[in-house]
Amino acid sequence: MPHSVETATAYVIAALEDKGTATRDDFDVHGIVSATHRLAETWDFRSVDRGRFWSIAATFLKP
Protein backbone atom coordinates (compact mmCIF):
# COMPACT_ATOMS: atom_id res chain seq x y z
CA MET A 1 0.00 0.00 0.00
CA PRO A 2 1.48 3.37 -0.96
CA HIS A 3 1.90 5.87 1.84
CA SER A 4 -0.20 9.01 1.72
CA VAL A 5 -1.55 11.73 3.97
CA GLU A 6 -4.39 9.34 4.79
CA THR A 7 -2.08 6.51 5.89
CA ALA A 8 0.03 8.99 7.87
CA THR A 9 -3.09 10.30 9.60
CA ALA A 10 -4.22 6.77 10.43
CA TYR A 11 -0.75 6.04 11.83
CA VAL A 12 -0.86 9.12 14.07
CA ILE A 13 -4.35 8.34 15.36
CA ALA A 14 -3.39 4.73 16.09
CA ALA A 15 -0.25 5.85 17.94
CA LEU A 16 -2.16 8.40 20.01
CA GLU A 17 -4.93 5.99 20.97
CA ASP A 18 -2.77 2.87 21.35
CA LYS A 19 -2.49 2.89 25.14
CA GLY A 20 -6.05 4.04 25.76
CA THR A 21 -4.94 7.07 27.76
CA ALA A 22 -5.69 9.66 25.08
CA THR A 23 -7.85 10.07 22.01
CA ARG A 24 -7.45 11.86 18.73
CA ASP A 25 -9.66 14.60 20.15
CA ASP A 26 -6.97 15.47 22.71
CA PHE A 27 -4.52 16.47 19.95
CA ASP A 28 -4.34 18.53 16.78
CA VAL A 29 -3.88 15.50 14.52
CA HIS A 30 -3.50 17.60 11.37
CA GLY A 31 -0.73 19.59 13.04
CA ILE A 32 1.10 16.42 14.07
CA VAL A 33 0.81 14.97 10.55
CA SER A 34 2.05 18.19 8.94
CA ALA A 35 5.00 18.67 11.30
CA THR A 36 6.05 15.02 11.10
CA HIS A 37 5.84 15.05 7.31
CA ARG A 38 8.04 18.16 7.15
CA LEU A 39 10.60 16.46 9.38
CA ALA A 40 10.53 13.01 7.76
CA GLU A 41 9.97 14.17 4.17
CA THR A 42 7.82 11.06 3.68
CA TRP A 43 4.33 9.90 4.55
CA ASP A 44 5.78 6.67 5.99
CA PHE A 45 6.01 7.73 9.61
CA ARG A 46 7.38 4.35 10.71
CA SER A 47 10.80 5.75 9.84
CA VAL A 48 10.50 8.53 12.43
CA ASP A 49 12.24 8.00 15.76
CA ARG A 50 9.55 7.31 18.39
CA GLY A 51 11.02 9.87 20.79
CA ARG A 52 10.95 12.53 18.12
CA PHE A 53 7.38 11.57 17.17
CA TRP A 54 6.20 11.97 20.78
CA SER A 55 8.01 15.29 21.11
CA ILE A 56 6.10 16.53 18.08
CA ALA A 57 2.81 15.12 19.37
CA ALA A 58 3.30 16.81 22.74
CA THR A 59 3.49 20.21 21.08
CA PHE A 60 0.06 19.60 19.54
CA LEU A 61 -1.76 18.62 22.74
CA LYS A 62 -4.93 20.66 22.96
CA PRO A 63 -5.42 22.79 26.09
C-alpha atoms as a PDB file:
ATOM      1  CA  MET A   1       0.000   0.000   0.000  1.00  0.00           C
ATOM      2  CA  PRO A   2       1.480   3.375  -0.960  1.00  0.00           C
ATOM      3  CA  HIS A   3       1.905   5.872   1.840  1.00  0.00           C
ATOM      4  CA  SER A   4      -0.202   9.012   1.725  1.00  0.00           C
ATOM      5  CA  VAL A   5      -1.545  11.732   3.968  1.00  0.00           C
ATOM      6  CA  GLU A   6      -4.391   9.337   4.794  1.00  0.00           C
ATOM      7  CA  THR A   7      -2.081   6.512   5.890  1.00  0.00           C
ATOM      8  CA  ALA A   8       0.027   8.986   7.866  1.00  0.00           C
ATOM      9  CA  THR A   9      -3.090  10.304   9.602  1.00  0.00           C
ATOM     10  CA  ALA A  10      -4.223   6.765  10.430  1.00  0.00           C
ATOM     11  CA  TYR A  11      -0.752   6.039  11.834  1.00  0.00           C
ATOM     12  CA  VAL A  12      -0.862   9.124  14.072  1.00  0.00           C
ATOM     13  CA  ILE A  13      -4.353   8.338  15.360  1.00  0.00           C
ATOM     14  CA  ALA A  14      -3.392   4.730  16.093  1.00  0.00           C
ATOM     15  CA  ALA A  15      -0.250   5.845  17.938  1.00  0.00           C
ATOM     16  CA  LEU A  16      -2.158   8.405  20.008  1.00  0.00           C
ATOM     17  CA  GLU A  17      -4.926   5.989  20.965  1.00  0.00           C
ATOM     18  CA  ASP A  18      -2.767   2.866  21.354  1.00  0.00           C
ATOM     19  CA  LYS A  19      -2.490   2.886  25.144  1.00  0.00           C
ATOM     20  CA  GLY A  20      -6.052   4.039  25.755  1.00  0.00           C
ATOM     21  CA  THR A  21      -4.940   7.065  27.765  1.00  0.00           C
ATOM     22  CA  ALA A  22      -5.688   9.655  25.077  1.00  0.00           C
ATOM     23  CA  THR A  23      -7.853  10.066  22.012  1.00  0.00           C
ATOM     24  CA  ARG A  24      -7.448  11.863  18.732  1.00  0.00           C
ATOM     25  CA  ASP A  25      -9.662  14.605  20.149  1.00  0.00           C
ATOM     26  CA  ASP A  26      -6.969  15.470  22.709  1.00  0.00           C
ATOM     27  CA  PHE A  27      -4.515  16.473  19.955  1.00  0.00           C
ATOM     28  CA  ASP A  28      -4.338  18.533  16.776  1.00  0.00           C
ATOM     29  CA  VAL A  29      -3.881  15.496  14.524  1.00  0.00           C
ATOM     30  CA  HIS A  30      -3.504  17.595  11.368  1.00  0.00           C
ATOM     31  CA  GLY A  31      -0.730  19.585  13.043  1.00  0.00           C
ATOM     32  CA  ILE A  32       1.102  16.416  14.068  1.00  0.00           C
ATOM     33  CA  VAL A  33       0.807  14.974  10.553  1.00  0.00           C
ATOM     34  CA  SER A  34       2.051  18.186   8.941  1.00  0.00           C
ATOM     35  CA  ALA A  35       4.999  18.665  11.305  1.00  0.00           C
ATOM     36  CA  THR A  36       6.051  15.023  11.105  1.00  0.00           C
ATOM     37  CA  HIS A  37       5.838  15.055   7.313  1.00  0.00           C
ATOM     38  CA  ARG A  38       8.039  18.158   7.149  1.00  0.00           C
ATOM     39  CA  LEU A  39      10.596  16.458   9.384  1.00  0.00           C
ATOM     40  CA  ALA A  40      10.528  13.008   7.756  1.00  0.00           C
ATOM     41  CA  GLU A  41       9.974  14.168   4.165  1.00  0.00           C
ATOM     42  CA  THR A  42       7.824  11.058   3.682  1.00  0.00           C
ATOM     43  CA  TRP A  43       4.334   9.903   4.546  1.00  0.00           C
ATOM     44  CA  ASP A  44       5.777   6.674   5.995  1.00  0.00           C
ATOM     45  CA  PHE A  45       6.011   7.728   9.615  1.00  0.00           C
ATOM     46  CA  ARG A  46       7.383   4.349  10.713  1.00  0.00           C
ATOM     47  CA  SER A  47      10.803   5.750   9.841  1.00  0.00           C
ATOM     48  CA  VAL A  48      10.501   8.534  12.427  1.00  0.00           C
ATOM     49  CA  ASP A  49      12.238   8.002  15.762  1.00  0.00           C
ATOM     50  CA  ARG A  50       9.554   7.309  18.390  1.00  0.00           C
ATOM     51  CA  GLY A  51      11.017   9.873  20.794  1.00  0.00           C
ATOM     52  CA  ARG A  52      10.950  12.528  18.117  1.00  0.00           C
ATOM     53  CA  PHE A  53       7.377  11.574  17.174  1.00  0.00           C
ATOM     54  CA  TRP A  54       6.201  11.967  20.784  1.00  0.00           C
ATOM     55  CA  SER A  55       8.010  15.291  21.106  1.00  0.00           C
ATOM     56  CA  ILE A  56       6.102  16.526  18.079  1.00  0.00           C
ATOM     57  CA  ALA A  57       2.807  15.122  19.367  1.00  0.00           C
ATOM     58  CA  ALA A  58       3.303  16.810  22.744  1.00  0.00           C
ATOM     59  CA  THR A  59       3.488  20.206  21.075  1.00  0.00           C
ATOM     60  CA  PHE A  60       0.058  19.600  19.539  1.00  0.00           C
ATOM     61  CA  LEU A  61      -1.757  18.618  22.736  1.00  0.00           C
ATOM     62  CA  LYS A  62      -4.935  20.656  22.963  1.00  0.00           C
ATOM     63  CA  PRO A  63      -5.415  22.785  26.088  1.00  0.00           C
END
